[in-house]
Amino acid sequence: MTDRAPDEPDEIGDPVCWLSRVCPECGAFITGDPADGCPRCGAIPDDER
């Protein structure tokens, strides 16, 4: 049970799918196409190779 009123919306956070946008080498967030590689270190995520 929660202490919120029934008419209050559920709290919604960021989706779990953001994890695929994190560089496995340096931890930077990849804002462009992951297939282009990390803008910081150039690593390409394994699932994009």
N, C-alpha and C. Protein backbone atom coordinates (compact mmCIF):
# COMPACT_ATOMS: atom_id res chain seq x y z
N MET A 1 0.83 -1.19 0.00
CA MET A 1 0.00 0.00 0.00
C MET A 1 0.88 1.25 0.00
N THR A 2 0.35 2.29 -0.57
CA THR A 2 1.05 3.56 -0.57
C THR A 2 0.25 4.60 0.19
N ASP A 3 0.89 5.69 0.54
CA ASP A 3 0.24 6.77 1.27
C ASP A 3 -0.27 7.87 0.34
N ARG A 4 -0.30 7.62 -0.94
CA ARG A 4 -0.74 8.66 -1.88
C ARG A 4 -2.25 8.57 -2.11
N ALA A 5 -2.81 9.67 -2.52
CA ALA A 5 -4.24 9.71 -2.80
C ALA A 5 -4.54 8.90 -4.06
N PRO A 6 -5.74 8.32 -4.17
CA PRO A 6 -6.08 7.49 -5.34
C PRO A 6 -6.03 8.23 -6.67
N ASP A 7 -6.20 9.56 -6.65
CA ASP A 7 -6.19 10.30 -7.91
C ASP A 7 -4.81 10.79 -8.32
N GLU A 8 -3.78 10.50 -7.52
CA GLU A 8 -2.41 10.87 -7.88
C GLU A 8 -1.85 9.86 -8.87
N PRO A 9 -1.13 10.34 -9.89
CA PRO A 9 -0.56 9.40 -10.87
C PRO A 9 0.59 8.61 -10.26
N ASP A 10 0.81 7.41 -10.79
CA ASP A 10 1.95 6.61 -10.36
C ASP A 10 3.23 7.32 -10.75
N GLU A 11 4.27 7.17 -9.91
CA GLU A 11 5.56 7.74 -10.25
C GLU A 11 6.18 6.89 -11.35
N ILE A 12 6.68 7.55 -12.36
CA ILE A 12 7.28 6.84 -13.49
C ILE A 12 8.72 7.32 -13.65
N GLY A 13 9.64 6.40 -13.68
CA GLY A 13 11.05 6.72 -13.86
C GLY A 13 11.50 6.44 -15.28
N ASP A 14 12.80 6.54 -15.49
CA ASP A 14 13.36 6.25 -16.80
C ASP A 14 13.23 4.75 -17.10
N PRO A 15 13.04 4.42 -18.36
CA PRO A 15 12.90 3.01 -18.71
C PRO A 15 14.21 2.25 -18.55
N VAL A 16 14.11 1.00 -18.28
CA VAL A 16 15.28 0.14 -18.12
C VAL A 16 16.08 0.08 -19.41
N CYS A 17 15.44 0.29 -20.52
CA CYS A 17 16.11 0.17 -21.81
C CYS A 17 17.24 1.19 -22.00
N TRP A 18 17.37 2.18 -21.14
CA TRP A 18 18.49 3.14 -21.25
C TRP A 18 19.84 2.44 -21.07
N LEU A 19 19.86 1.29 -20.41
CA LEU A 19 21.12 0.59 -20.16
C LEU A 19 21.86 0.27 -21.45
N SER A 20 21.14 -0.01 -22.52
CA SER A 20 21.80 -0.32 -23.79
C SER A 20 22.47 0.91 -24.39
N ARG A 21 22.18 2.09 -23.86
CA ARG A 21 22.76 3.34 -24.37
C ARG A 21 24.00 3.76 -23.57
N VAL A 22 24.43 2.93 -22.61
CA VAL A 22 25.61 3.24 -21.79
C VAL A 22 26.81 2.49 -22.37
N CYS A 23 27.89 3.22 -22.60
CA CYS A 23 29.10 2.61 -23.16
C CYS A 23 29.68 1.59 -22.18
N PRO A 24 29.95 0.38 -22.64
CA PRO A 24 30.50 -0.65 -21.76
C PRO A 24 31.95 -0.39 -21.35
N GLU A 25 32.64 0.45 -22.09
CA GLU A 25 34.05 0.74 -21.81
C GLU A 25 34.25 1.89 -20.84
N CYS A 26 33.57 3.01 -21.09
CA CYS A 26 33.83 4.20 -20.27
C CYS A 26 32.62 4.70 -19.47
N GLY A 27 31.43 4.13 -19.73
CA GLY A 27 30.24 4.51 -18.98
C GLY A 27 29.52 5.74 -19.49
N ALA A 28 29.97 6.31 -20.61
CA ALA A 28 29.31 7.49 -21.17
C ALA A 28 27.94 7.10 -21.73
N PHE A 29 27.01 8.04 -21.73
CA PHE A 29 25.69 7.82 -22.31
C PHE A 29 25.78 8.12 -23.80
N ILE A 30 25.41 7.15 -24.64
CA ILE A 30 25.49 7.30 -26.08
C ILE A 30 24.18 7.90 -26.57
N THR A 31 24.23 9.16 -27.00
CA THR A 31 23.01 9.86 -27.40
C THR A 31 22.64 9.61 -28.85
N GLY A 32 23.60 9.29 -29.68
CA GLY A 32 23.33 9.03 -31.09
C GLY A 32 23.06 7.55 -31.32
N ASP A 33 23.29 7.10 -32.52
CA ASP A 33 23.10 5.70 -32.88
C ASP A 33 24.23 4.88 -32.24
N PRO A 34 23.90 3.89 -31.40
CA PRO A 34 24.95 3.09 -30.77
C PRO A 34 25.87 2.40 -31.77
N ALA A 35 25.38 2.13 -32.98
CA ALA A 35 26.20 1.49 -34.00
C ALA A 35 27.35 2.40 -34.44
N ASP A 36 27.20 3.72 -34.22
CA ASP A 36 28.27 4.66 -34.56
C ASP A 36 29.37 4.68 -33.52
N GLY A 37 29.14 4.08 -32.38
CA GLY A 37 30.14 4.00 -31.32
C GLY A 37 29.99 5.12 -30.31
N CYS A 38 30.75 4.99 -29.25
CA CYS A 38 30.74 5.96 -28.16
C CYS A 38 31.42 7.25 -28.60
N PRO A 39 30.79 8.40 -28.35
CA PRO A 39 31.43 9.66 -28.74
C PRO A 39 32.65 9.99 -27.88
N ARG A 40 32.76 9.39 -26.71
CA ARG A 40 33.90 9.67 -25.82
C ARG A 40 35.11 8.80 -26.14
N CYS A 41 34.88 7.46 -26.23
CA CYS A 41 36.05 6.57 -26.39
C CYS A 41 36.04 5.79 -27.71
N GLY A 42 34.93 5.82 -28.44
CA GLY A 42 34.86 5.14 -29.72
C GLY A 42 34.46 3.68 -29.67
N ALA A 43 34.26 3.14 -28.48
CA ALA A 43 33.86 1.73 -28.36
C ALA A 43 32.47 1.53 -28.97
N ILE A 44 32.28 0.35 -29.56
CA ILE A 44 30.98 -0.01 -30.12
C ILE A 44 30.37 -1.07 -29.21
N PRO A 45 29.16 -0.81 -28.68
CA PRO A 45 28.52 -1.80 -27.81
C PRO A 45 28.41 -3.16 -28.49
N ASP A 46 28.56 -4.22 -27.72
CA ASP A 46 28.54 -5.60 -28.25
C ASP A 46 27.29 -5.90 -29.05
N ASP A 47 26.14 -5.42 -28.62
CA ASP A 47 24.90 -5.75 -29.33
C ASP A 47 24.74 -4.98 -30.64
N GLU A 48 25.66 -4.09 -30.97
CA GLU A 48 25.61 -3.33 -32.22
C GLU A 48 26.65 -3.81 -33.23
N ARG A 49 27.48 -4.78 -32.86
CA ARG A 49 28.53 -5.27 -33.77
C ARG A 49 27.97 -6.24 -34.75
